[in-house]
Each structure stands twice: as C-alpha cells, then as structure tokens.
Amino acid sequence: MTLRACCGHGNARKSVRALAALGLPTEANNQQYHYPCLSDCTIPKLFLSGDHDEFAPVAQLEHIAATAAEPKRLLFLSSADHFFTGLLQPMQQALAGWLKEQLL
C-alpha cells in the first residue's frame, strides 16, 4: 500500500522525495507480490534486503528492481534475513548513506 501511495498519482506522490523499501516481500504464505506501480515511479528508490530474506529471494527482488523506473538502487546485505537479525547497524548505515546521497 505504501508503494502505491508514494508512487501512484495524486498529492502524496508530489510530496515524496525518495522511497526506501526495506525487506520488500516478493512472496509469503504461498502468495506472490508484484509492484507494477514501480514501473513509472521516477522518485529515487532504494531496495535494501538481506541475501537470505525468506520473503524475497534474491532473483525475485532483482526482477522487481529491474522493472522499476530509474533512479533506483538495489542493495543486498550479506547473510541478512528479512528482519536484518543481528545486522541492524549495517542496514541502518546502508540506508543512511543512501539518504545522504539523496540530499534529504
């Protein structure tokens, strides 16, 4: 819902300057998730996930990121699960670094 609100049409999109998707799920409970709104979402986007995310296999998240409009960045934290268990500091550092690049 957040992606639709931030990347959809209307007032919310006008006020959103960047979007960080942390642990964006691609599958859960035998359901696949798709994000077609990303294909025309031209605000800067960060996809930050663990390479062991049980709800977003690397190949699936790579596909979603590939179909998203530029600008975008896809980052995987080595050995991180969906919740970044034990790796919150590296996740926060990656997020903070990207946000600084966006000059927010």
C-alpha atoms as a PDB file:
ATOM      1  CA  MET A   1       0.000   0.000   0.000  1.00  0.00           C
ATOM      2  CA  THR A   2       2.826   2.375   0.788  1.00  0.00           C
ATOM      3  CA  LEU A   3       4.388   1.870  -2.625  1.00  0.00           C
ATOM      4  CA  ARG A   4       1.077   2.556  -4.321  1.00  0.00           C
ATOM      5  CA  ALA A   5       0.540   5.682  -2.250  1.00  0.00           C
ATOM      6  CA  CYS A   6       4.042   7.023  -2.837  1.00  0.00           C
ATOM      7  CA  CYS A   7       4.333   6.036  -6.484  1.00  0.00           C
ATOM      8  CA  GLY A   8       0.749   6.453  -7.566  1.00  0.00           C
ATOM      9  CA  HIS A   9      -0.892   9.523  -8.915  1.00  0.00           C
ATOM     10  CA  GLY A  10      -2.025  12.340  -6.713  1.00  0.00           C
ATOM     11  CA  ASN A  11      -0.884  14.595  -3.919  1.00  0.00           C
ATOM     12  CA  ALA A  12       1.171  12.027  -1.987  1.00  0.00           C
ATOM     13  CA  ARG A  13       3.475  11.450  -4.936  1.00  0.00           C
ATOM     14  CA  LYS A  14       4.182  15.174  -5.250  1.00  0.00           C
ATOM     15  CA  SER A  15       5.467  15.398  -1.674  1.00  0.00           C
ATOM     16  CA  VAL A  16       7.548  12.194  -1.628  1.00  0.00           C
ATOM     17  CA  ARG A  17      11.199  12.905  -2.449  1.00  0.00           C
ATOM     18  CA  ALA A  18      12.652   9.388  -2.058  1.00  0.00           C
ATOM     19  CA  LEU A  19      11.479   5.907  -1.193  1.00  0.00           C
ATOM     20  CA  ALA A  20      13.322   3.174   0.710  1.00  0.00           C
ATOM     21  CA  ALA A  21      11.898  -0.346   0.559  1.00  0.00           C
ATOM     22  CA  LEU A  22      13.467  -2.378   3.363  1.00  0.00           C
ATOM     23  CA  GLY A  23      12.878  -6.100   3.049  1.00  0.00           C
ATOM     24  CA  LEU A  24      10.276  -5.704   0.310  1.00  0.00           C
ATOM     25  CA  PRO A  25       8.456  -9.051   0.124  1.00  0.00           C
ATOM     26  CA  THR A  26       8.044 -10.869  -3.155  1.00  0.00           C
ATOM     27  CA  GLU A  27       6.342 -13.943  -1.720  1.00  0.00           C
ATOM     28  CA  ALA A  28       4.733 -15.016   1.549  1.00  0.00           C
ATOM     29  CA  ASN A  29       2.135 -17.577   2.562  1.00  0.00           C
ATOM     30  CA  ASN A  30       2.017 -19.052  -0.944  1.00  0.00           C
ATOM     31  CA  GLN A  31       1.215 -15.638  -2.431  1.00  0.00           C
ATOM     32  CA  GLN A  32       3.332 -13.713  -4.932  1.00  0.00           C
ATOM     33  CA  TYR A  33       3.627  -9.931  -4.642  1.00  0.00           C
ATOM     34  CA  HIS A  34       4.024  -7.672  -7.648  1.00  0.00           C
ATOM     35  CA  TYR A  35       4.568  -3.944  -7.746  1.00  0.00           C
ATOM     36  CA  PRO A  36       3.509  -2.600 -11.155  1.00  0.00           C
ATOM     37  CA  CYS A  37       3.361   0.952  -9.783  1.00  0.00           C
ATOM     38  CA  LEU A  38       7.184   0.967  -9.699  1.00  0.00           C
ATOM     39  CA  SER A  39       7.469   0.925 -13.498  1.00  0.00           C
ATOM     40  CA  ASP A  40       6.565   4.615 -13.774  1.00  0.00           C
ATOM     41  CA  CYS A  41       7.710   5.785 -10.336  1.00  0.00           C
ATOM     42  CA  THR A  42      10.508   8.255 -11.049  1.00  0.00           C
ATOM     43  CA  ILE A  43      11.390   9.266  -7.489  1.00  0.00           C
ATOM     44  CA  PRO A  44      14.699   7.855  -6.188  1.00  0.00           C
ATOM     45  CA  LYS A  45      14.216   4.336  -4.825  1.00  0.00           C
ATOM     46  CA  LEU A  46      16.329   2.085  -2.640  1.00  0.00           C
ATOM     47  CA  PHE A  47      15.613  -1.628  -2.434  1.00  0.00           C
ATOM     48  CA  LEU A  48      17.518  -2.872   0.620  1.00  0.00           C
ATOM     49  CA  SER A  49      17.228  -6.521   1.536  1.00  0.00           C
ATOM     50  CA  GLY A  50      19.129  -9.410   3.016  1.00  0.00           C
ATOM     51  CA  ASP A  51      20.515 -12.031   0.680  1.00  0.00           C
ATOM     52  CA  HIS A  52      18.845 -14.613   2.942  1.00  0.00           C
ATOM     53  CA  ASP A  53      15.449 -12.899   3.115  1.00  0.00           C
ATOM     54  CA  GLU A  54      12.890 -15.664   3.403  1.00  0.00           C
ATOM     55  CA  PHE A  55      10.184 -13.451   1.881  1.00  0.00           C
ATOM     56  CA  ALA A  56      12.218 -12.084  -1.035  1.00  0.00           C
ATOM     57  CA  PRO A  57      14.569 -14.467  -2.823  1.00  0.00           C
ATOM     58  CA  VAL A  58      17.407 -12.565  -4.480  1.00  0.00           C
ATOM     59  CA  ALA A  59      16.355 -13.390  -8.063  1.00  0.00           C
ATOM     60  CA  GLN A  60      12.782 -12.260  -7.452  1.00  0.00           C
ATOM     61  CA  LEU A  61      13.799  -8.955  -5.895  1.00  0.00           C
ATOM     62  CA  GLU A  62      16.311  -8.388  -8.688  1.00  0.00           C
ATOM     63  CA  HIS A  63      13.459  -8.810 -11.169  1.00  0.00           C
ATOM     64  CA  ILE A  64      11.239  -6.324  -9.334  1.00  0.00           C
ATOM     65  CA  ALA A  65      14.057  -3.789  -9.127  1.00  0.00           C
ATOM     66  CA  ALA A  66      14.864  -4.291 -12.823  1.00  0.00           C
ATOM     67  CA  THR A  67      11.307  -3.397 -13.777  1.00  0.00           C
ATOM     68  CA  ALA A  68      11.284  -0.253 -11.628  1.00  0.00           C
ATOM     69  CA  ALA A  69      11.882   3.119 -13.248  1.00  0.00           C
ATOM     70  CA  GLU A  70      15.145   4.964 -12.677  1.00  0.00           C
ATOM     71  CA  PRO A  71      16.568   6.240 -10.419  1.00  0.00           C
ATOM     72  CA  LYS A  72      16.913   3.147  -8.276  1.00  0.00           C
ATOM     73  CA  ARG A  73      19.455   1.158  -6.324  1.00  0.00           C
ATOM     74  CA  LEU A  74      19.353  -2.449  -5.176  1.00  0.00           C
ATOM     75  CA  LEU A  75      21.494  -3.448  -2.205  1.00  0.00           C
ATOM     76  CA  PHE A  76      21.763  -6.820  -0.502  1.00  0.00           C
ATOM     77  CA  LEU A  77      23.277  -7.285   2.938  1.00  0.00           C
ATOM     78  CA  SER A  78      25.268 -10.473   3.149  1.00  0.00           C
ATOM     79  CA  SER A  79      23.791 -13.121   5.458  1.00  0.00           C
ATOM     80  CA  ALA A  80      20.834 -10.920   6.435  1.00  0.00           C
ATOM     81  CA  ASP A  81      17.339 -12.329   6.797  1.00  0.00           C
ATOM     82  CA  HIS A  82      14.046 -10.481   6.308  1.00  0.00           C
ATOM     83  CA  PHE A  83      14.317  -8.747   9.677  1.00  0.00           C
ATOM     84  CA  PHE A  84      18.062  -7.973   9.407  1.00  0.00           C
ATOM     85  CA  THR A  85      18.525 -10.028  12.585  1.00  0.00           C
ATOM     86  CA  GLY A  86      21.862  -9.153  14.165  1.00  0.00           C
ATOM     87  CA  LEU A  87      22.602  -6.797  11.275  1.00  0.00           C
ATOM     88  CA  LEU A  88      20.548  -3.715  12.114  1.00  0.00           C
ATOM     89  CA  GLN A  89      23.616  -1.470  12.278  1.00  0.00           C
ATOM     90  CA  PRO A  90      24.867  -2.342   8.755  1.00  0.00           C
ATOM     91  CA  MET A  91      21.305  -1.948   7.453  1.00  0.00           C
ATOM     92  CA  GLN A  92      20.997   1.455   9.104  1.00  0.00           C
ATOM     93  CA  GLN A  93      24.388   2.518   7.735  1.00  0.00           C
ATOM     94  CA  ALA A  94      23.434   1.500   4.198  1.00  0.00           C
ATOM     95  CA  LEU A  95      20.131   3.332   4.485  1.00  0.00           C
ATOM     96  CA  ALA A  96      21.708   6.460   5.985  1.00  0.00           C
ATOM     97  CA  GLY A  97      24.377   6.549   3.286  1.00  0.00           C
ATOM     98  CA  TRP A  98      21.770   6.341   0.533  1.00  0.00           C
ATOM     99  CA  LEU A  99      19.607   9.009   2.170  1.00  0.00           C
ATOM    100  CA  LYS A 100      22.613  11.353   2.363  1.00  0.00           C
ATOM    101  CA  GLU A 101      23.178  10.822  -1.357  1.00  0.00           C
ATOM    102  CA  GLN A 102      19.596  11.963  -1.935  1.00  0.00           C
ATOM    103  CA  LEU A 103      20.345  15.210  -0.062  1.00  0.00           C
ATOM    104  CA  LEU A 104      17.335  14.819   2.149  1.00  0.00           C
END
